[in-house]
Structures are given as structure tokens and as C-alpha cells.
Amino acid sequence: MRSRTSRSGRPVPTSVLVLILLASGLLIGYGARWMGGCTSGHGLCGVSALAVGSVVATATFFSTAVATTFLLHWLTGGAV
């Protein structure tokens, strides 16, 4: 298994990664509640019905997921 290290070469504590993932999950839950549905519902049903709110929500979900992935990759030096 590869060790989790930051760009500076120092290990990133697992507790920090857990906190980041927990916060991300809470934000996803809040966003789903705020937008009136879950990611799957907006992505599958809302977008296929051409609902503007669902298209915006789905674009936001995907953008946030990509940004979070790049952030975690950067914070861990590529270990995650």
C-alpha cells in the first residue's frame, strides 16, 4: 500500500482525510436536501426531463466531485 504523503513529503494523518471526507459527505447531503433531490434523481430523471434546476444541480455535483478529487490528490501527494 502506498503511504499517504503531502506534496512536501510529510505524511498526511488519516484523521485529516477522514474529516475531509466526512465534511464532503455532509455537504453533499445538504446540497441534495437544498436542491430538492438526490444526485441520481437529478442526473437521471431531472436532466432527461430537461429541468433547468436539475441540469444546474447535476453540473454542480460533478464539478464539486472533480474539484474534491483534485484537492485530495494534491493534499495527499497522489496517494489518494
N, C-alpha and C. Protein backbone atom coordinates (compact mmCIF):
# COMPACT_ATOMS: atom_id res chain seq x y z
N MET A 1 0.84 -1.17 0.00
CA MET A 1 0.00 0.00 0.00
C MET A 1 0.90 1.24 0.00
N ARG A 2 0.54 2.23 -0.79
CA ARG A 2 1.31 3.47 -0.83
C ARG A 2 1.02 4.31 0.40
N SER A 3 2.03 4.97 0.89
CA SER A 3 1.81 5.83 2.05
C SER A 3 1.17 7.13 1.60
N ARG A 4 0.40 7.72 2.50
CA ARG A 4 -0.24 8.99 2.20
C ARG A 4 0.73 10.10 2.58
N THR A 5 1.20 10.84 1.60
CA THR A 5 2.10 11.94 1.87
C THR A 5 1.62 13.18 1.14
N SER A 6 1.97 14.32 1.69
CA SER A 6 1.62 15.58 1.05
C SER A 6 2.69 15.92 0.03
N ARG A 7 2.50 17.02 -0.66
CA ARG A 7 3.49 17.44 -1.65
C ARG A 7 4.84 17.70 -1.00
N SER A 8 4.84 18.12 0.26
CA SER A 8 6.09 18.40 0.95
C SER A 8 6.78 17.12 1.41
N GLY A 9 6.13 15.98 1.24
CA GLY A 9 6.71 14.71 1.63
C GLY A 9 6.35 14.28 3.05
N ARG A 10 5.65 15.14 3.77
CA ARG A 10 5.22 14.79 5.13
C ARG A 10 3.96 13.94 5.06
N PRO A 11 3.83 12.96 5.94
CA PRO A 11 2.62 12.14 5.95
C PRO A 11 1.38 12.96 6.31
N VAL A 12 0.28 12.69 5.63
CA VAL A 12 -0.99 13.32 5.96
C VAL A 12 -1.72 12.37 6.89
N PRO A 13 -2.07 12.83 8.09
CA PRO A 13 -2.74 11.93 9.04
C PRO A 13 -4.08 11.42 8.49
N THR A 14 -4.34 10.17 8.77
CA THR A 14 -5.60 9.57 8.33
C THR A 14 -6.79 10.33 8.92
N SER A 15 -6.64 10.83 10.13
CA SER A 15 -7.74 11.58 10.76
C SER A 15 -8.11 12.81 9.95
N VAL A 16 -7.13 13.46 9.32
CA VAL A 16 -7.42 14.63 8.48
C VAL A 16 -8.20 14.20 7.25
N LEU A 17 -7.78 13.10 6.63
CA LEU A 17 -8.50 12.61 5.46
C LEU A 17 -9.93 12.22 5.81
N VAL A 18 -10.11 11.58 6.96
CA VAL A 18 -11.45 11.19 7.39
C VAL A 18 -12.31 12.43 7.60
N LEU A 19 -11.75 13.48 8.20
CA LEU A 19 -12.51 14.71 8.42
C LEU A 19 -12.90 15.37 7.09
N ILE A 20 -12.00 15.36 6.13
CA ILE A 20 -12.30 15.93 4.81
C ILE A 20 -13.44 15.15 4.15
N LEU A 21 -13.36 13.83 4.19
CA LEU A 21 -14.40 13.01 3.57
C LEU A 21 -15.73 13.15 4.30
N LEU A 22 -15.69 13.24 5.62
CA LEU A 22 -16.92 13.44 6.40
C LEU A 22 -17.57 14.78 6.05
N ALA A 23 -16.76 15.82 6.01
CA ALA A 23 -17.29 17.14 5.66
C ALA A 23 -17.87 17.13 4.24
N SER A 24 -17.19 16.45 3.34
CA SER A 24 -17.69 16.36 1.96
C SER A 24 -19.04 15.66 1.90
N GLY A 25 -19.17 14.58 2.64
CA GLY A 25 -20.44 13.85 2.68
C GLY A 25 -21.56 14.70 3.25
N LEU A 26 -21.26 15.46 4.30
CA LEU A 26 -22.28 16.34 4.88
C LEU A 26 -22.68 17.42 3.88
N LEU A 27 -21.71 17.97 3.16
CA LEU A 27 -22.04 18.98 2.16
C LEU A 27 -22.88 18.41 1.03
N ILE A 28 -22.59 17.19 0.63
CA ILE A 28 -23.40 16.54 -0.42
C ILE A 28 -24.83 16.34 0.07
N GLY A 29 -24.98 15.88 1.30
CA GLY A 29 -26.31 15.70 1.88
C GLY A 29 -27.07 17.01 1.97
N TYR A 30 -26.39 18.07 2.41
CA TYR A 30 -27.01 19.39 2.49
C TYR A 30 -27.43 19.87 1.10
N GLY A 31 -26.53 19.70 0.13
CA GLY A 31 -26.85 20.13 -1.23
C GLY A 31 -28.02 19.37 -1.82
N ALA A 32 -28.08 18.07 -1.56
CA ALA A 32 -29.21 17.27 -2.08
C ALA A 32 -30.52 17.72 -1.44
N ARG A 33 -30.47 18.02 -0.17
CA ARG A 33 -31.67 18.50 0.53
C ARG A 33 -32.08 19.87 0.01
N TRP A 34 -31.10 20.73 -0.18
CA TRP A 34 -31.35 22.09 -0.63
C TRP A 34 -31.91 22.11 -2.05
N MET A 35 -31.40 21.24 -2.92
CA MET A 35 -31.84 21.22 -4.31
C MET A 35 -33.08 20.37 -4.53
N GLY A 36 -33.58 19.74 -3.48
CA GLY A 36 -34.84 19.02 -3.60
C GLY A 36 -34.72 17.64 -4.21
N GLY A 37 -33.60 16.99 -4.06
CA GLY A 37 -33.46 15.63 -4.58
C GLY A 37 -32.03 15.15 -4.48
N CYS A 38 -31.85 13.90 -4.79
CA CYS A 38 -30.51 13.32 -4.70
C CYS A 38 -29.79 13.45 -6.04
N THR A 39 -28.52 13.14 -6.04
CA THR A 39 -27.73 13.26 -7.27
C THR A 39 -28.26 12.36 -8.37
N SER A 40 -28.66 11.16 -8.02
CA SER A 40 -29.18 10.23 -9.03
C SER A 40 -30.50 10.71 -9.60
N GLY A 41 -31.36 11.19 -8.73
CA GLY A 41 -32.67 11.68 -9.18
C GLY A 41 -32.54 12.85 -10.14
N HIS A 42 -31.69 13.80 -9.79
CA HIS A 42 -31.48 14.95 -10.67
C HIS A 42 -30.80 14.52 -11.96
N GLY A 43 -29.77 13.67 -11.83
CA GLY A 43 -29.00 13.27 -13.00
C GLY A 43 -29.78 12.42 -13.98
N LEU A 44 -30.57 11.50 -13.48
CA LEU A 44 -31.30 10.60 -14.37
C LEU A 44 -32.65 11.15 -14.80
N CYS A 45 -33.45 11.53 -13.84
CA CYS A 45 -34.82 11.95 -14.17
C CYS A 45 -34.91 13.42 -14.55
N GLY A 46 -34.28 14.27 -13.73
CA GLY A 46 -34.39 15.71 -13.98
C GLY A 46 -33.74 16.14 -15.27
N VAL A 47 -32.53 15.66 -15.54
CA VAL A 47 -31.84 16.05 -16.77
C VAL A 47 -32.56 15.49 -17.99
N SER A 48 -33.05 14.26 -17.90
CA SER A 48 -33.77 13.70 -19.06
C SER A 48 -35.08 14.44 -19.32
N ALA A 49 -35.64 15.06 -18.28
CA ALA A 49 -36.85 15.87 -18.46
C ALA A 49 -36.50 17.32 -18.83
N LEU A 50 -35.20 17.60 -18.97
CA LEU A 50 -34.70 18.93 -19.31
C LEU A 50 -35.09 19.99 -18.29
N ALA A 51 -35.14 19.60 -17.02
CA ALA A 51 -35.43 20.55 -15.95
C ALA A 51 -34.17 21.37 -15.68
N VAL A 52 -34.28 22.68 -15.82
CA VAL A 52 -33.12 23.56 -15.67
C VAL A 52 -32.47 23.40 -14.30
N GLY A 53 -33.27 23.31 -13.26
CA GLY A 53 -32.74 23.14 -11.91
C GLY A 53 -31.93 21.86 -11.77
N SER A 54 -32.39 20.81 -12.39
CA SER A 54 -31.68 19.53 -12.34
C SER A 54 -30.37 19.57 -13.12
N VAL A 55 -30.39 20.26 -14.25
CA VAL A 55 -29.16 20.39 -15.04
C VAL A 55 -28.12 21.17 -14.24
N VAL A 56 -28.55 22.26 -13.60
CA VAL A 56 -27.63 23.06 -12.78
C VAL A 56 -27.13 22.24 -11.59
N ALA A 57 -28.05 21.53 -10.92
CA ALA A 57 -27.66 20.71 -9.78
C ALA A 57 -26.67 19.62 -10.18
N THR A 58 -26.92 18.94 -11.29
CA THR A 58 -26.04 17.87 -11.75
C THR A 58 -24.67 18.43 -12.12
N ALA A 59 -24.64 19.57 -12.79
CA ALA A 59 -23.36 20.20 -13.13
C ALA A 59 -22.59 20.57 -11.86
N THR A 60 -23.31 21.05 -10.86
CA THR A 60 -22.68 21.40 -9.58
C THR A 60 -22.14 20.15 -8.89
N PHE A 61 -22.92 19.07 -8.88
CA PHE A 61 -22.46 17.82 -8.24
C PHE A 61 -21.18 17.33 -8.89
N PHE A 62 -21.16 17.29 -10.23
CA PHE A 62 -19.99 16.79 -10.94
C PHE A 62 -18.79 17.71 -10.74
N SER A 63 -19.01 19.02 -10.81
CA SER A 63 -17.91 19.97 -10.62
C SER A 63 -17.30 19.83 -9.23
N THR A 64 -18.16 19.71 -8.23
CA THR A 64 -17.68 19.56 -6.86
C THR A 64 -16.92 18.26 -6.69
N ALA A 65 -17.40 17.19 -7.29
CA ALA A 65 -16.71 15.89 -7.20
C ALA A 65 -15.34 15.96 -7.84
N VAL A 66 -15.24 16.59 -9.00
CA VAL A 66 -13.95 16.70 -9.68
C VAL A 66 -13.00 17.58 -8.85
N ALA A 67 -13.49 18.70 -8.34
CA ALA A 67 -12.66 19.59 -7.52
C ALA A 67 -12.18 18.89 -6.25
N THR A 68 -13.07 18.13 -5.61
CA THR A 68 -12.69 17.41 -4.39
C THR A 68 -11.64 16.35 -4.70
N THR A 69 -11.79 15.67 -5.82
CA THR A 69 -10.81 14.66 -6.20
C THR A 69 -9.44 15.28 -6.43
N PHE A 70 -9.40 16.39 -7.16
CA PHE A 70 -8.12 17.07 -7.39
C PHE A 70 -7.53 17.58 -6.07
N LEU A 71 -8.37 18.12 -5.19
CA LEU A 71 -7.90 18.61 -3.90
C LEU A 71 -7.30 17.49 -3.07
N LEU A 72 -7.99 16.37 -2.97
CA LEU A 72 -7.47 15.23 -2.21
C LEU A 72 -6.19 14.69 -2.83
N HIS A 73 -6.15 14.65 -4.15
CA HIS A 73 -4.95 14.19 -4.85
C HIS A 73 -3.77 15.12 -4.52
N TRP A 74 -4.02 16.42 -4.53
CA TRP A 74 -2.98 17.40 -4.24
C TRP A 74 -2.55 17.33 -2.78
N LEU A 75 -3.53 17.24 -1.86
CA LEU A 75 -3.21 17.20 -0.43
C LEU A 75 -2.42 15.95 -0.03
N THR A 76 -2.67 14.87 -0.71
CA THR A 76 -2.01 13.62 -0.34
C THR A 76 -0.79 13.30 -1.20
N GLY A 77 -0.45 14.18 -2.11
CA GLY A 77 0.68 13.94 -2.98
C GLY A 77 0.44 12.81 -3.96
N GLY A 78 -0.80 12.54 -4.27
CA GLY A 78 -1.14 11.49 -5.23
C GLY A 78 -1.44 10.15 -4.61
N ALA A 79 -1.43 10.04 -3.28
CA ALA A 79 -1.70 8.76 -2.62
C ALA A 79 -3.17 8.40 -2.67
N VAL A 80 -4.03 9.40 -2.80
CA VAL A 80 -5.47 9.13 -2.84
C VAL A 80 -5.99 9.57 -4.19
